[in-house]
Amino acid sequence: MHQFTIEPLGGSQGWEIAGYNIAFTNSALWMLITTVVLFLFVLGGMKRELVPGRWQMMVESFTGFIDSMLEANVGKAGRKYVPYIFSLFMFILFANMLGLLPLGIVGIHPFTFTSHFTVTGVLAILSFTIVLVVGFWKHGLHFFSLFVPQGTPLPMIPIIAPIEFISFMVRPFSLGLRLFVAMMAGHVLLEVLSSFVIDGTNAGFLWAGVVGLPSFLLMVGICALELLVAGIQAYVFALLTSLYINDAENLH
């Protein structure tokens, strides 16, 4: 589990404020790298040429994808959330993809910070906070009607309302947990299979063929699956956030 260990890069001594250690860690480093790569990616697609190049088309395709998703789930009011959902989706996507780069062969070990609940949980709380702010700003106390579905019989309200409220409050936990578990499980599986390859090869020619080779072939397939999961998890996070925003906007 060493690949998930958060380590201060310059030591932890002398980096405490009010009892909290603020040392720059490997997790913070890869967040910074992800942010810089994402910024350069978007910057390269902001040329606004009449005949767009491939880079501009990629950026515009992602932007159009997010815009279409918000329009389908929120309506015309969802357009103002495109910058946030686009940033959220691309940040998670780039973080997941960078964490899968095989840089270990040159001595650099990528850190997948989305495999930590502290990171995914903060992203989920941020989205949940936006939902609360939008809901109360637009509807006031009428926002609480979200916990009583339309057409609910009066005697059922004391039962349905608490269930809906608990379901609503669990959203940030489930949103962050889903991404964290998916990314962590994939990396653990790759680690286990790689140990089979190494141990099987070191055990001799017979075990290399019986254990090492099948494990290596399975690793290739799992790596391809992980690339798919990296994209799907970013999409699911953005999609669920847009659905939660729809509840705040339209009180369905």
Protein backbone atom coordinates (compact mmCIF):
# COMPACT_ATOMS: atom_id res chain seq x y z
CA MET A 1 0.00 0.00 0.00
CA HIS A 2 3.06 2.26 -0.23
CA GLN A 3 1.71 3.82 -3.44
CA PHE A 4 -1.11 5.42 -1.42
CA THR A 5 1.13 6.87 1.29
CA ILE A 6 1.11 10.66 1.53
CA GLU A 7 4.64 11.86 2.22
CA PRO A 8 6.00 15.38 2.78
CA LEU A 9 8.56 16.15 0.08
CA GLY A 10 10.71 18.55 2.07
CA GLY A 11 10.26 17.05 5.52
CA SER A 12 7.54 17.85 8.01
CA GLN A 13 9.59 19.73 10.60
CA GLY A 14 8.87 23.43 10.95
CA TRP A 15 5.76 23.30 8.77
CA GLU A 16 3.13 23.60 11.48
CA ILE A 17 0.56 26.36 11.89
CA ALA A 18 -1.86 26.23 14.82
CA GLY A 19 -1.03 22.56 15.32
CA TYR A 20 -1.64 21.62 11.68
CA ASN A 21 1.18 20.44 9.44
CA ILE A 22 1.14 22.21 6.06
CA ALA A 23 4.17 20.54 4.49
CA PHE A 24 4.10 20.17 0.69
CA THR A 25 3.33 16.52 -0.04
CA ASN A 26 3.44 14.20 -3.02
CA SER A 27 -0.36 14.47 -3.17
CA ALA A 28 -0.18 18.26 -3.37
CA LEU A 29 2.55 17.99 -6.02
CA TRP A 30 0.40 15.87 -8.31
CA MET A 31 -2.59 18.14 -7.75
CA LEU A 32 -0.37 21.01 -8.90
CA ILE A 33 0.87 19.01 -11.89
CA THR A 34 -2.73 18.12 -12.83
CA THR A 35 -3.78 21.75 -12.56
CA VAL A 36 -0.87 22.94 -14.74
CA VAL A 37 -1.46 20.24 -17.38
CA LEU A 38 -5.18 21.03 -17.45
CA PHE A 39 -4.47 24.77 -17.73
CA LEU A 40 -2.09 24.20 -20.65
CA PHE A 41 -4.59 21.88 -22.31
CA VAL A 42 -7.38 24.47 -22.15
CA LEU A 43 -5.01 27.31 -23.07
CA GLY A 44 -3.98 25.47 -26.24
CA GLY A 45 -7.61 25.25 -27.31
CA MET A 46 -8.49 28.93 -26.83
CA LYS A 47 -7.19 30.17 -30.19
CA ARG A 48 -10.76 30.64 -31.50
CA GLU A 49 -9.72 30.05 -35.08
CA LEU A 50 -12.44 30.01 -37.73
CA VAL A 51 -11.15 26.63 -38.91
CA PRO A 52 -10.21 24.98 -35.60
CA GLY A 53 -7.18 22.75 -35.32
CA ARG A 54 -7.16 19.38 -33.60
CA TRP A 55 -6.29 20.81 -30.19
CA GLN A 56 -9.02 23.43 -30.34
CA MET A 57 -11.48 20.78 -31.50
CA MET A 58 -10.61 18.60 -28.50
CA VAL A 59 -11.22 21.41 -26.02
CA GLU A 60 -14.41 22.49 -27.77
CA SER A 61 -15.62 18.88 -27.89
CA PHE A 62 -15.20 18.49 -24.14
CA THR A 63 -16.88 21.85 -23.53
CA GLY A 64 -19.76 20.94 -25.84
CA PHE A 65 -20.08 17.57 -24.13
CA ILE A 66 -20.46 19.20 -20.70
CA ASP A 67 -22.82 21.84 -22.08
CA SER A 68 -25.05 19.16 -23.62
CA MET A 69 -25.04 17.13 -20.41
CA LEU A 70 -26.12 20.13 -18.33
CA GLU A 71 -28.79 21.16 -20.82
CA ALA A 72 -30.19 17.63 -20.82
CA ASN A 73 -30.25 17.36 -17.03
CA VAL A 74 -30.83 20.92 -15.83
CA GLY A 75 -32.21 22.74 -18.84
CA LYS A 76 -31.27 26.18 -20.15
CA ALA A 77 -30.44 27.27 -16.60
CA GLY A 78 -27.62 24.73 -16.55
CA ARG A 79 -25.47 26.74 -18.95
CA LYS A 80 -24.16 28.97 -16.16
CA TYR A 81 -22.71 25.89 -14.45
CA VAL A 82 -20.64 24.82 -17.46
CA PRO A 83 -17.36 26.36 -16.16
CA TYR A 84 -17.63 24.55 -12.84
CA ILE A 85 -18.75 21.16 -14.19
CA PHE A 86 -16.18 21.36 -17.00
CA SER A 87 -13.39 22.13 -14.51
CA LEU A 88 -14.58 19.36 -12.18
CA PHE A 89 -14.83 16.77 -14.95
CA MET A 90 -11.48 17.62 -16.56
CA PHE A 91 -9.63 17.86 -13.24
CA ILE A 92 -10.79 14.39 -12.17
CA LEU A 93 -10.18 12.96 -15.66
CA PHE A 94 -6.64 14.32 -15.86
CA ALA A 95 -5.89 13.24 -12.28
CA ASN A 96 -7.03 9.69 -13.03
CA MET A 97 -5.13 9.52 -16.32
CA LEU A 98 -1.87 10.95 -14.94
CA GLY A 99 -1.98 8.44 -12.11
CA LEU A 100 -1.92 5.61 -14.67
CA LEU A 101 1.16 6.79 -16.55
CA PRO A 102 3.94 4.15 -16.47
CA LEU A 103 6.54 6.61 -15.24
CA GLY A 104 7.96 4.12 -12.74
CA ILE A 105 10.30 2.82 -15.44
CA VAL A 106 12.18 6.14 -15.28
CA GLY A 107 12.08 6.39 -11.49
CA ILE A 108 9.07 8.71 -11.20
CA HIS A 109 6.07 7.33 -9.34
CA PRO A 110 2.76 9.03 -10.19
CA PHE A 111 0.45 9.64 -7.26
CA THR A 112 -3.26 9.16 -7.90
CA PHE A 113 -4.70 11.59 -5.38
CA THR A 114 -8.25 10.66 -6.37
CA SER A 115 -7.59 7.36 -4.59
CA HIS A 116 -7.82 9.28 -1.29
CA PHE A 117 -11.20 10.01 0.24
CA THR A 118 -9.86 13.26 1.70
CA VAL A 119 -9.58 14.60 -1.87
CA THR A 120 -12.72 13.13 -3.42
CA GLY A 121 -14.66 14.03 -0.28
CA VAL A 122 -13.66 17.69 -0.55
CA LEU A 123 -14.73 17.75 -4.22
CA ALA A 124 -18.05 16.18 -3.24
CA ILE A 125 -18.58 18.67 -0.39
CA LEU A 126 -17.80 21.54 -2.77
CA SER A 127 -20.47 20.32 -5.20
CA PHE A 128 -22.93 19.74 -2.37
CA THR A 129 -22.32 23.24 -1.02
CA ILE A 130 -23.11 24.72 -4.44
CA VAL A 131 -26.37 22.75 -4.48
CA LEU A 132 -27.35 24.10 -1.04
CA VAL A 133 -26.41 27.69 -1.90
CA VAL A 134 -28.32 27.58 -5.19
CA GLY A 135 -31.33 25.87 -3.62
CA PHE A 136 -31.77 28.31 -0.73
CA TRP A 137 -30.79 31.36 -2.83
CA LYS A 138 -33.39 30.60 -5.50
CA HIS A 139 -36.20 29.04 -3.47
CA GLY A 140 -35.64 30.08 0.13
CA LEU A 141 -37.32 27.85 2.68
CA HIS A 142 -39.41 26.36 -0.11
CA PHE A 143 -36.26 24.34 -0.89
CA PHE A 144 -37.31 21.98 1.91
CA SER A 145 -40.20 20.86 -0.30
CA LEU A 146 -37.57 18.78 -2.09
CA PHE A 147 -37.93 16.26 0.75
CA VAL A 148 -41.65 15.82 0.11
CA PRO A 149 -42.21 14.40 -3.40
CA GLN A 150 -45.20 15.81 -5.23
CA GLY A 151 -48.34 13.76 -4.67
CA THR A 152 -47.20 12.27 -1.36
CA PRO A 153 -50.28 11.49 0.82
CA LEU A 154 -50.42 13.63 3.95
CA PRO A 155 -50.19 10.67 6.40
CA MET A 156 -47.01 9.49 4.63
CA ILE A 157 -45.15 12.80 4.90
CA PRO A 158 -43.70 12.11 8.42
CA ILE A 159 -42.23 8.87 7.04
CA ILE A 160 -41.15 9.97 3.55
CA ALA A 161 -39.62 13.33 4.53
CA PRO A 162 -36.97 11.92 6.94
CA ILE A 163 -36.04 9.22 4.39
CA GLU A 164 -35.64 11.83 1.64
CA PHE A 165 -33.64 14.07 3.98
CA ILE A 166 -31.24 11.26 4.93
CA SER A 167 -30.89 10.30 1.28
CA PHE A 168 -30.09 13.92 0.43
CA MET A 169 -27.48 14.28 3.19
CA VAL A 170 -25.75 11.05 2.18
CA ARG A 171 -25.12 12.39 -1.33
CA PRO A 172 -21.70 13.99 -0.73
CA PHE A 173 -20.47 10.87 1.08
CA SER A 174 -21.57 8.50 -1.70
CA LEU A 175 -20.32 10.87 -4.40
CA GLY A 176 -16.81 11.02 -2.95
CA LEU A 177 -16.74 7.37 -1.89
CA ARG A 178 -17.60 6.08 -5.37
CA LEU A 179 -14.61 7.76 -7.04
CA PHE A 180 -12.22 6.92 -4.20
CA VAL A 181 -13.12 3.21 -4.14
CA ALA A 182 -12.98 2.80 -7.93
CA MET A 183 -9.53 4.34 -8.27
CA MET A 184 -8.04 2.67 -5.22
CA ALA A 185 -9.36 -0.79 -6.13
CA GLY A 186 -7.92 -0.59 -9.64
CA HIS A 187 -4.46 0.39 -8.45
CA VAL A 188 -4.44 -2.31 -5.76
CA LEU A 189 -5.38 -4.92 -8.36
CA LEU A 190 -2.56 -3.80 -10.67
CA GLU A 191 -0.14 -3.92 -7.73
CA VAL A 192 -1.16 -7.48 -6.87
CA LEU A 193 -0.85 -8.67 -10.47
CA SER A 194 2.54 -7.00 -10.87
CA SER A 195 3.78 -8.84 -7.78
CA PHE A 196 2.65 -12.11 -9.39
CA VAL A 197 4.63 -11.24 -12.52
CA ILE A 198 7.78 -10.38 -10.58
CA ASP A 199 7.60 -13.33 -8.15
CA GLY A 200 6.73 -15.77 -10.95
CA THR A 201 9.66 -14.59 -13.08
CA ASN A 202 12.08 -14.78 -10.17
CA ALA A 203 10.91 -18.32 -9.31
CA GLY A 204 12.16 -19.75 -12.61
CA PHE A 205 11.11 -20.48 -16.17
CA LEU A 206 8.23 -22.80 -15.23
CA TRP A 207 6.53 -20.39 -12.83
CA ALA A 208 7.18 -17.49 -15.21
CA GLY A 209 5.08 -19.29 -17.83
CA VAL A 210 2.40 -20.59 -15.45
CA VAL A 211 1.98 -17.50 -13.23
CA GLY A 212 4.00 -14.60 -14.61
CA LEU A 213 2.84 -14.56 -18.23
CA PRO A 214 -0.93 -14.93 -17.54
CA SER A 215 -0.66 -12.25 -14.85
CA PHE A 216 1.13 -9.93 -17.28
CA LEU A 217 -1.51 -10.44 -19.98
CA LEU A 218 -4.22 -9.82 -17.41
CA MET A 219 -2.41 -6.64 -16.34
CA VAL A 220 -2.55 -5.35 -19.90
CA GLY A 221 -6.30 -5.92 -19.98
CA ILE A 222 -6.77 -4.36 -16.55
CA CYS A 223 -4.74 -1.30 -17.63
CA ALA A 224 -7.07 -0.83 -20.60
CA LEU A 225 -10.04 -1.24 -18.25
CA GLU A 226 -8.53 1.30 -15.84
CA LEU A 227 -8.30 3.87 -18.63
CA LEU A 228 -12.00 3.32 -19.26
CA VAL A 229 -12.80 3.51 -15.55
CA ALA A 230 -10.81 6.76 -15.25
CA GLY A 231 -13.05 8.37 -17.85
CA ILE A 232 -16.28 6.82 -16.58
CA GLN A 233 -15.67 7.91 -12.98
CA ALA A 234 -14.99 11.50 -14.05
CA TYR A 235 -18.20 11.42 -16.10
CA VAL A 236 -20.26 9.89 -13.27
CA PHE A 237 -19.00 12.50 -10.81
CA ALA A 238 -19.89 15.33 -13.20
CA LEU A 239 -23.24 13.74 -14.13
CA LEU A 240 -24.37 13.25 -10.53
CA THR A 241 -23.30 16.79 -9.68
CA SER A 242 -25.42 18.10 -12.54
CA LEU A 243 -28.39 16.02 -11.36
CA TYR A 244 -28.03 17.41 -7.84
CA ILE A 245 -27.88 20.94 -9.27
CA ASN A 246 -31.05 20.15 -11.19
CA ASP A 247 -32.79 19.40 -7.89
CA ALA A 248 -31.68 22.79 -6.55
CA GLU A 249 -32.74 24.62 -9.70
CA ASN A 250 -36.04 22.92 -10.46
CA LEU A 251 -37.05 21.17 -7.22
CA HIS A 252 -38.11 17.96 -8.97
